[in-house]
């Protein structure tokens, strides 16, 4: 083969190889995006365990502004303590987990933060479903339990932490304070003796309404006394006039 022909062939081969590699990278880029959680050597029932969360940006036009995590069974927001994350970002508990949020990150910039868990549950694995919000309102939902690759869809698997078996002798610590049931003040017990000493709240059977509790005989007696007094007064006046005359 002529030298010039060989050079042209090699150049074309190199260009095709570079093009193929670029295509692979372009396709693999979005597929490699993920949300993850790590804790090296974590065991079930371990205490004060640091978990490192990372969330990759999938947007080419907006920055990440918030991550909302839904805690797995066995963990409550009070079990989580925020350690560190992006500058200026804040941690806030929610009814089902917590959020880490702040000023939007640069376009394409990933987010990483660390929390400490009071005690890991007695489980084989923990799934931390995550909602990832962007400055343009878009939300990536890292909530799928299993990664799917059907029809070229790589899915959004939730961050998953596999745990080793609990160490010998490990036991659950006392419940988280926020989960402790509140005890209502005990009600006073009623005994037959206390019932006997308690005066009846019911009115007397022989009382009537509208007479201020007086017996019907009382008004009658008062009326009779008035008549007697009036009659006596009249008799006295007549007797006095008769004597004067």
C-alpha atoms as a PDB file:
ATOM      1  CA  UNK A   1       0.000   0.000   0.000  1.00  0.00           C
ATOM      2  CA  UNK A   2       1.206   3.494  -0.849  1.00  0.00           C
ATOM      3  CA  UNK A   3       2.381   5.509   2.138  1.00  0.00           C
ATOM      4  CA  UNK A   4      -0.112   8.351   1.603  1.00  0.00           C
ATOM      5  CA  UNK A   5      -2.958   5.876   1.286  1.00  0.00           C
ATOM      6  CA  UNK A   6      -1.874   4.197   4.525  1.00  0.00           C
ATOM      7  CA  UNK A   7      -1.779   7.520   6.373  1.00  0.00           C
ATOM      8  CA  UNK A   8      -5.241   8.417   5.165  1.00  0.00           C
ATOM      9  CA  UNK A   9      -6.538   5.031   6.292  1.00  0.00           C
ATOM     10  CA  UNK A  10      -5.013   5.406   9.757  1.00  0.00           C
ATOM     11  CA  UNK A  11      -6.386   8.902  10.136  1.00  0.00           C
ATOM     12  CA  UNK A  12      -9.862   7.740   9.200  1.00  0.00           C
ATOM     13  CA  UNK A  13      -9.614   4.837  11.608  1.00  0.00           C
ATOM     14  CA  UNK A  14      -8.493   7.177  14.383  1.00  0.00           C
ATOM     15  CA  UNK A  15     -11.318   9.587  13.677  1.00  0.00           C
ATOM     16  CA  UNK A  16     -13.850   6.782  13.734  1.00  0.00           C
ATOM     17  CA  UNK A  17     -12.433   5.465  17.019  1.00  0.00           C
ATOM     18  CA  UNK A  18     -12.597   8.913  18.621  1.00  0.00           C
ATOM     19  CA  UNK A  19     -16.155   9.371  17.377  1.00  0.00           C
ATOM     20  CA  UNK A  20     -17.188   6.000  18.767  1.00  0.00           C
ATOM     21  CA  UNK A  21     -15.572   6.804  22.123  1.00  0.00           C
ATOM     22  CA  UNK A  22     -17.315  10.169  22.285  1.00  0.00           C
ATOM     23  CA  UNK A  23     -20.624   8.498  21.557  1.00  0.00           C
ATOM     24  CA  UNK A  24     -20.093   5.992  24.353  1.00  0.00           C
ATOM     25  CA  UNK A  25     -19.209   8.746  26.810  1.00  0.00           C
ATOM     26  CA  UNK A  26     -22.215  10.815  25.771  1.00  0.00           C
ATOM     27  CA  UNK A  27     -24.542   7.873  26.314  1.00  0.00           C
ATOM     28  CA  UNK A  28     -22.905   6.722  29.534  1.00  0.00           C
ATOM     29  CA  UNK A  29     -22.850  10.195  31.091  1.00  0.00           C
ATOM     30  CA  UNK A  30     -26.514  10.436  32.055  1.00  0.00           C
ATOM     31  CA  UNK A  31     -26.636   6.733  32.913  1.00  0.00           C
ATOM     32  CA  UNK A  32     -23.774   7.170  35.361  1.00  0.00           C
ATOM     33  CA  UNK A  33     -25.640   9.898  37.265  1.00  0.00           C
ATOM     34  CA  UNK A  34     -26.875   8.632  40.587  1.00  0.00           C
ATOM     35  CA  UNK A  35     -27.706   9.335  44.227  1.00  0.00           C
ATOM     36  CA  UNK A  36     -25.792   7.235  46.724  1.00  0.00           C
ATOM     37  CA  UNK A  37     -25.159   6.644  50.421  1.00  0.00           C
ATOM     38  CA  UNK A  38     -22.023   5.171  51.981  1.00  0.00           C
ATOM     39  CA  UNK A  39     -20.895   4.061  55.442  1.00  0.00           C
ATOM     40  CA  UNK A  40     -17.906   1.773  55.313  1.00  0.00           C
ATOM     41  CA  UNK A  41     -18.269  -1.373  57.408  1.00  0.00           C
ATOM     42  CA  UNK A  42     -21.684  -0.386  58.780  1.00  0.00           C
ATOM     43  CA  UNK A  43     -23.431  -3.049  60.844  1.00  0.00           C
ATOM     44  CA  UNK A  44     -27.013  -3.363  61.957  1.00  0.00           C
ATOM     45  CA  UNK A  45     -27.557  -1.753  65.401  1.00  0.00           C
ATOM     46  CA  UNK A  46     -24.308   0.241  65.151  1.00  0.00           C
ATOM     47  CA  UNK A  47     -24.503   3.544  66.996  1.00  0.00           C
ATOM     48  CA  UNK A  48     -23.397   7.045  65.966  1.00  0.00           C
ATOM     49  CA  UNK A  49     -22.770   6.051  62.368  1.00  0.00           C
ATOM     50  CA  UNK A  50     -21.730   8.658  59.797  1.00  0.00           C
ATOM     51  CA  UNK A  51     -23.540   8.377  56.475  1.00  0.00           C
ATOM     52  CA  UNK A  52     -22.182  10.178  53.424  1.00  0.00           C
ATOM     53  CA  UNK A  53     -24.795  11.041  50.795  1.00  0.00           C
ATOM     54  CA  UNK A  54     -24.013  12.155  47.267  1.00  0.00           C
ATOM     55  CA  UNK A  55     -26.330  13.301  44.501  1.00  0.00           C
ATOM     56  CA  UNK A  56     -25.194  13.790  40.913  1.00  0.00           C
ATOM     57  CA  UNK A  57     -26.583  16.630  38.824  1.00  0.00           C
ATOM     58  CA  UNK A  58     -28.475  15.574  35.693  1.00  0.00           C
ATOM     59  CA  UNK A  59     -29.320  19.063  34.476  1.00  0.00           C
ATOM     60  CA  UNK A  60     -27.323  21.018  31.929  1.00  0.00           C
ATOM     61  CA  UNK A  61     -29.207  24.265  32.526  1.00  0.00           C
ATOM     62  CA  UNK A  62     -29.991  24.488  36.284  1.00  0.00           C
ATOM     63  CA  UNK A  63     -28.302  23.921  39.634  1.00  0.00           C
ATOM     64  CA  UNK A  64     -29.392  21.692  42.531  1.00  0.00           C
ATOM     65  CA  UNK A  65     -31.208  23.590  45.313  1.00  0.00           C
ATOM     66  CA  UNK A  66     -32.599  20.918  47.642  1.00  0.00           C
ATOM     67  CA  UNK A  67     -32.455  17.250  48.572  1.00  0.00           C
ATOM     68  CA  UNK A  68     -35.387  15.703  50.431  1.00  0.00           C
ATOM     69  CA  UNK A  69     -34.796  12.303  52.029  1.00  0.00           C
ATOM     70  CA  UNK A  70     -37.541   9.905  53.109  1.00  0.00           C
ATOM     71  CA  UNK A  71     -36.224   7.812  56.000  1.00  0.00           C
ATOM     72  CA  UNK A  72     -36.604   4.024  55.968  1.00  0.00           C
ATOM     73  CA  UNK A  73     -38.558   2.130  58.602  1.00  0.00           C
ATOM     74  CA  UNK A  74     -36.772   2.125  61.942  1.00  0.00           C
ATOM     75  CA  UNK A  75     -35.456   5.692  61.672  1.00  0.00           C
ATOM     76  CA  UNK A  76     -37.137   8.984  62.580  1.00  0.00           C
ATOM     77  CA  UNK A  77     -35.949  12.569  62.005  1.00  0.00           C
ATOM     78  CA  UNK A  78     -34.815  12.888  65.626  1.00  0.00           C
ATOM     79  CA  UNK A  79     -32.300  10.069  64.980  1.00  0.00           C
ATOM     80  CA  UNK A  80     -30.454  12.187  62.401  1.00  0.00           C
ATOM     81  CA  UNK A  81     -27.822  14.854  63.163  1.00  0.00           C
ATOM     82  CA  UNK A  82     -26.465  17.042  60.374  1.00  0.00           C
ATOM     83  CA  UNK A  83     -22.664  17.198  60.220  1.00  0.00           C
ATOM     84  CA  UNK A  84     -21.623  19.028  57.056  1.00  0.00           C
ATOM     85  CA  UNK A  85     -22.640  19.836  53.509  1.00  0.00           C
ATOM     86  CA  UNK A  86     -22.467  22.545  50.856  1.00  0.00           C
ATOM     87  CA  UNK A  87     -21.599  26.022  52.181  1.00  0.00           C
ATOM     88  CA  UNK A  88     -24.683  27.842  53.374  1.00  0.00           C
ATOM     89  CA  UNK A  89     -26.984  24.836  53.115  1.00  0.00           C
ATOM     90  CA  UNK A  90     -29.283  24.028  56.041  1.00  0.00           C
ATOM     91  CA  UNK A  91     -30.750  20.874  57.526  1.00  0.00           C
ATOM     92  CA  UNK A  92     -34.447  20.687  58.463  1.00  0.00           C
ATOM     93  CA  UNK A  93     -36.491  17.718  59.747  1.00  0.00           C
ATOM     94  CA  UNK A  94     -39.803  16.872  58.088  1.00  0.00           C
ATOM     95  CA  UNK A  95     -42.698  14.609  58.967  1.00  0.00           C
ATOM     96  CA  UNK A  96     -41.144  11.741  56.989  1.00  0.00           C
ATOM     97  CA  UNK A  97     -37.419  12.523  57.009  1.00  0.00           C
ATOM     98  CA  UNK A  98     -35.441  15.689  56.394  1.00  0.00           C
ATOM     99  CA  UNK A  99     -34.255  18.193  53.797  1.00  0.00           C
ATOM    100  CA  UNK A 100     -30.843  19.677  53.031  1.00  0.00           C
ATOM    101  CA  UNK A 101     -31.144  22.853  50.980  1.00  0.00           C
ATOM    102  CA  UNK A 102     -29.681  26.248  50.171  1.00  0.00           C
ATOM    103  CA  UNK A 103     -28.494  28.489  47.366  1.00  0.00           C
ATOM    104  CA  UNK A 104     -28.447  26.769  44.002  1.00  0.00           C
ATOM    105  CA  UNK A 105     -25.256  24.984  43.058  1.00  0.00           C
ATOM    106  CA  UNK A 106     -23.426  25.658  39.816  1.00  0.00           C
ATOM    107  CA  UNK A 107     -24.883  23.953  36.756  1.00  0.00           C
ATOM    108  CA  UNK A 108     -23.618  20.371  36.622  1.00  0.00           C
ATOM    109  CA  UNK A 109     -22.209  20.473  40.181  1.00  0.00           C
ATOM    110  CA  UNK A 110     -22.958  17.461  42.385  1.00  0.00           C
ATOM    111  CA  UNK A 111     -23.934  17.649  46.069  1.00  0.00           C
ATOM    112  CA  UNK A 112     -22.418  15.749  48.988  1.00  0.00           C
ATOM    113  CA  UNK A 113     -23.281  15.946  52.691  1.00  0.00           C
ATOM    114  CA  UNK A 114     -22.786  13.948  55.895  1.00  0.00           C
ATOM    115  CA  UNK A 115     -25.184  13.049  58.707  1.00  0.00           C
ATOM    116  CA  UNK A 116     -24.802  10.965  61.868  1.00  0.00           C
ATOM    117  CA  UNK A 117     -27.396   8.321  62.732  1.00  0.00           C
ATOM    118  CA  UNK A 118     -28.090   7.683  66.418  1.00  0.00           C
ATOM    119  CA  UNK A 119     -28.439   3.928  65.800  1.00  0.00           C
ATOM    120  CA  UNK A 120     -28.955   1.893  62.644  1.00  0.00           C
ATOM    121  CA  UNK A 121     -32.006  -0.380  62.595  1.00  0.00           C
ATOM    122  CA  UNK A 122     -31.700  -4.150  62.786  1.00  0.00           C
ATOM    123  CA  UNK A 123     -32.019  -4.707  59.037  1.00  0.00           C
ATOM    124  CA  UNK A 124     -30.107  -6.123  56.091  1.00  0.00           C
ATOM    125  CA  UNK A 125     -30.324  -2.918  54.053  1.00  0.00           C
ATOM    126  CA  UNK A 126     -31.729   0.601  54.233  1.00  0.00           C
ATOM    127  CA  UNK A 127     -33.275   2.544  51.363  1.00  0.00           C
ATOM    128  CA  UNK A 128     -33.242   6.361  51.488  1.00  0.00           C
ATOM    129  CA  UNK A 129     -35.651   7.620  48.827  1.00  0.00           C
ATOM    130  CA  UNK A 130     -34.502  11.061  47.662  1.00  0.00           C
ATOM    131  CA  UNK A 131     -36.165  13.925  45.788  1.00  0.00           C
ATOM    132  CA  UNK A 132     -33.596  16.196  44.118  1.00  0.00           C
ATOM    133  CA  UNK A 133     -34.830  19.689  43.184  1.00  0.00           C
ATOM    134  CA  UNK A 134     -33.279  22.132  40.705  1.00  0.00           C
ATOM    135  CA  UNK A 135     -33.440  25.913  40.379  1.00  0.00           C
ATOM    136  CA  UNK A 136     -35.725  25.628  37.334  1.00  0.00           C
ATOM    137  CA  UNK A 137     -38.311  23.558  39.247  1.00  0.00           C
ATOM    138  CA  UNK A 138     -37.285  20.194  37.838  1.00  0.00           C
ATOM    139  CA  UNK A 139     -37.183  17.275  40.291  1.00  0.00           C
ATOM    140  CA  UNK A 140     -35.188  14.057  39.973  1.00  0.00           C
ATOM    141  CA  UNK A 141     -36.919  11.281  41.904  1.00  0.00           C
ATOM    142  CA  UNK A 142     -34.366   8.809  43.207  1.00  0.00           C
ATOM    143  CA  UNK A 143     -37.019   6.488  44.589  1.00  0.00           C
ATOM    144  CA  UNK A 144     -36.894   3.271  42.583  1.00  0.00           C
ATOM    145  CA  UNK A 145     -36.119   0.181  44.625  1.00  0.00           C
ATOM    146  CA  UNK A 146     -34.397  -1.655  41.784  1.00  0.00           C
ATOM    147  CA  UNK A 147     -32.417  -0.228  38.857  1.00  0.00           C
ATOM    148  CA  UNK A 148     -34.183  -0.802  35.547  1.00  0.00           C
ATOM    149  CA  UNK A 149     -32.536  -0.835  32.138  1.00  0.00           C
ATOM    150  CA  UNK A 150     -35.469  -1.866  29.995  1.00  0.00           C
ATOM    151  CA  UNK A 151     -35.858   0.023  26.713  1.00  0.00           C
ATOM    152  CA  UNK A 152     -32.666   1.933  27.426  1.00  0.00           C
ATOM    153  CA  UNK A 153     -34.082   3.440  30.625  1.00  0.00           C
ATOM    154  CA  UNK A 154     -31.527   3.317  33.409  1.00  0.00           C
ATOM    155  CA  UNK A 155     -33.979   4.467  36.075  1.00  0.00           C
ATOM    156  CA  UNK A 156     -33.476   6.444  39.266  1.00  0.00           C
ATOM    157  CA  UNK A 157     -32.648   3.901  41.978  1.00  0.00           C
ATOM    158  CA  UNK A 158     -32.915   5.146  45.550  1.00  0.00           C
ATOM    159  CA  UNK A 159     -29.723   5.342  47.625  1.00  0.00           C
ATOM    160  CA  UNK A 160     -29.291   1.960  49.290  1.00  0.00           C
ATOM    161  CA  UNK A 161     -27.048   1.034  52.224  1.00  0.00           C
ATOM    162  CA  UNK A 162     -26.316  -2.670  52.750  1.00  0.00           C
ATOM    163  CA  UNK A 163     -25.577  -3.576  56.367  1.00  0.00           C
ATOM    164  CA  UNK A 164     -23.521  -6.358  57.868  1.00  0.00           C
ATOM    165  CA  UNK A 165     -25.015  -8.507  60.606  1.00  0.00           C
ATOM    166  CA  UNK A 166     -25.174  -6.901  64.037  1.00  0.00           C
ATOM    167  CA  UNK A 167     -22.162  -7.355  66.285  1.00  0.00           C
ATOM    168  CA  UNK A 168     -22.497 -10.003  69.007  1.00  0.00           C
ATOM    169  CA  UNK A 169     -24.350  -8.580  71.985  1.00  0.00           C
ATOM    170  CA  UNK A 170     -25.582  -5.481  70.142  1.00  0.00           C
ATOM    171  CA  UNK A 171     -28.988  -4.358  71.321  1.00  0.00           C
ATOM    172  CA  UNK A 172     -31.387  -1.561  70.418  1.00  0.00           C
ATOM    173  CA  UNK A 173     -30.913   1.508  72.587  1.00  0.00           C
ATOM    174  CA  UNK A 174     -33.815   3.200  74.330  1.00  0.00           C
ATOM    175  CA  UNK A 175     -36.399   4.707  71.993  1.00  0.00           C
ATOM    176  CA  UNK A 176     -35.743   8.098  70.493  1.00  0.00           C
ATOM    177  CA  UNK A 177     -37.159  10.772  72.852  1.00  0.00           C
ATOM    178  CA  UNK A 178     -39.597  12.015  70.220  1.00  0.00           C
ATOM    179  CA  UNK A 179     -41.059   8.526  69.920  1.00  0.00           C
ATOM    180  CA  UNK A 180     -41.595   7.933  73.637  1.00  0.00           C
ATOM    181  CA  UNK A 181     -45.318   7.764  74.417  1.00  0.00           C
ATOM    182  CA  UNK A 182     -46.618  10.557  76.597  1.00  0.00           C
ATOM    183  CA  UNK A 183     -48.236   9.467  79.858  1.00  0.00           C
ATOM    184  CA  UNK A 184     -51.461  11.173  80.791  1.00  0.00           C
ATOM    185  CA  UNK A 185     -52.068  12.144  84.419  1.00  0.00           C
ATOM    186  CA  UNK A 186     -53.830   9.247  86.201  1.00  0.00           C
ATOM    187  CA  UNK A 187     -57.490   9.815  86.916  1.00  0.00           C
ATOM    188  CA  UNK A 188     -58.655   9.634  90.538  1.00  0.00           C
ATOM    189  CA  UNK A 189     -60.091   6.234  91.312  1.00  0.00           C
ATOM    190  CA  UNK A 190     -63.627   6.036  92.658  1.00  0.00           C
ATOM    191  CA  UNK A 191     -64.334   3.597  95.454  1.00  0.00           C
ATOM    192  CA  UNK A 192     -67.643   2.586  97.060  1.00  0.00           C
ATOM    193  CA  UNK A 193     -66.591   4.417 100.262  1.00  0.00           C
ATOM    194  CA  UNK A 194     -65.909   7.694  98.407  1.00  0.00           C
ATOM    195  CA  UNK A 195     -69.272   7.373  96.659  1.00  0.00           C
ATOM    196  CA  UNK A 196     -71.004   6.980  99.998  1.00  0.00           C
ATOM    197  CA  UNK A 197     -69.334  10.143 101.370  1.00  0.00           C
ATOM    198  CA  UNK A 198     -70.130  12.215  98.293  1.00  0.00           C
ATOM    199  CA  UNK A 199     -73.396  14.207  98.730  1.00  0.00           C
ATOM    200  CA  UNK A 200     -75.963  13.623  96.058  1.00  0.00           C
ATOM    201  CA  UNK A 201     -76.081  16.255  93.365  1.00  0.00           C
ATOM    202  CA  UNK A 202     -79.770  15.502  92.649  1.00  0.00           C
ATOM    203  CA  UNK A 203     -82.417  17.836  94.132  1.00  0.00           C
ATOM    204  CA  UNK A 204     -84.709  16.515  96.864  1.00  0.00           C
ATOM    205  CA  UNK A 205     -87.612  14.543  95.546  1.00  0.00           C
ATOM    206  CA  UNK A 206     -90.209  16.731  97.330  1.00  0.00           C
ATOM    207  CA  UNK A 207     -88.857  20.052  96.010  1.00  0.00           C
ATOM    208  CA  UNK A 208     -90.642  21.902  93.264  1.00  0.00           C
ATOM    209  CA  UNK A 209     -89.611  24.429  90.675  1.00  0.00           C
ATOM    210  CA  UNK A 210     -90.425  28.111  91.012  1.00  0.00           C
ATOM    211  CA  UNK A 211     -91.183  28.227  94.806  1.00  0.00           C
ATOM    212  CA  UNK A 212     -87.634  28.708  96.100  1.00  0.00           C
ATOM    213  CA  UNK A 213     -87.787  25.402  97.879  1.00  0.00           C
ATOM    214  CA  UNK A 214     -90.656  26.418 100.331  1.00  0.00           C
ATOM    215  CA  UNK A 215     -93.328  23.930 101.280  1.00  0.00           C
ATOM    216  CA  UNK A 216     -96.880  24.809 100.101  1.00  0.00           C
ATOM    217  CA  UNK A 217     -97.999  24.943 103.773  1.00  0.00           C
ATOM    218  CA  UNK A 218     -95.793  27.932 104.520  1.00  0.00           C
ATOM    219  CA  UNK A 219     -97.641  30.503 102.337  1.00  0.00           C
ATOM    220  CA  UNK A 220    -100.976  29.244 103.691  1.00  0.00           C
ATOM    221  CA  UNK A 221     -99.858  29.753 107.281  1.00  0.00           C
ATOM    222  CA  UNK A 222     -98.617  33.243 106.539  1.00  0.00           C
ATOM    223  CA  UNK A 223    -101.944  34.143 104.891  1.00  0.00           C
ATOM    224  CA  UNK A 224    -103.921  32.910 107.912  1.00  0.00           C
ATOM    225  CA  UNK A 225    -101.778  34.922 110.316  1.00  0.00           C
ATOM    226  CA  UNK A 226    -102.339  38.074 108.250  1.00  0.00           C
ATOM    227  CA  UNK A 227    -106.126  37.571 108.314  1.00  0.00           C
ATOM    228  CA  UNK A 228    -106.118  37.069 112.064  1.00  0.00           C
ATOM    229  CA  UNK A 229    -104.049  40.186 112.582  1.00  0.00           C
ATOM    230  CA  UNK A 230    -106.299  42.292 110.366  1.00  0.00           C
ATOM    231  CA  UNK A 231    -109.450  40.979 112.056  1.00  0.00           C
ATOM    232  CA  UNK A 232    -108.041  41.692 115.522  1.00  0.00           C
ATOM    233  CA  UNK A 233    -107.121  45.223 114.525  1.00  0.00           C
ATOM    234  CA  UNK A 234    -110.630  45.932 113.267  1.00  0.00           C
ATOM    235  CA  UNK A 235    -112.207  44.611 116.506  1.00  0.00           C
ATOM    236  CA  UNK A 236    -109.886  46.726 118.635  1.00  0.00           C
ATOM    237  CA  UNK A 237    -110.725  49.905 116.713  1.00  0.00           C
ATOM    238  CA  UNK A 238    -114.502  49.289 117.026  1.00  0.00           C
ATOM    239  CA  UNK A 239    -114.201  48.596 120.742  1.00  0.00           C
ATOM    240  CA  UNK A 240    -112.219  51.817 121.271  1.00  0.00           C
ATOM    241  CA  UNK A 241    -114.737  53.931 119.362  1.00  0.00           C
ATOM    242  CA  UNK A 242    -117.612  52.427 121.299  1.00  0.00           C
ATOM    243  CA  UNK A 243    -115.985  53.251 124.640  1.00  0.00           C
ATOM    244  CA  UNK A 244    -115.275  56.806 123.630  1.00  0.00           C
ATOM    245  CA  UNK A 245    -118.867  57.360 122.609  1.00  0.00           C
END
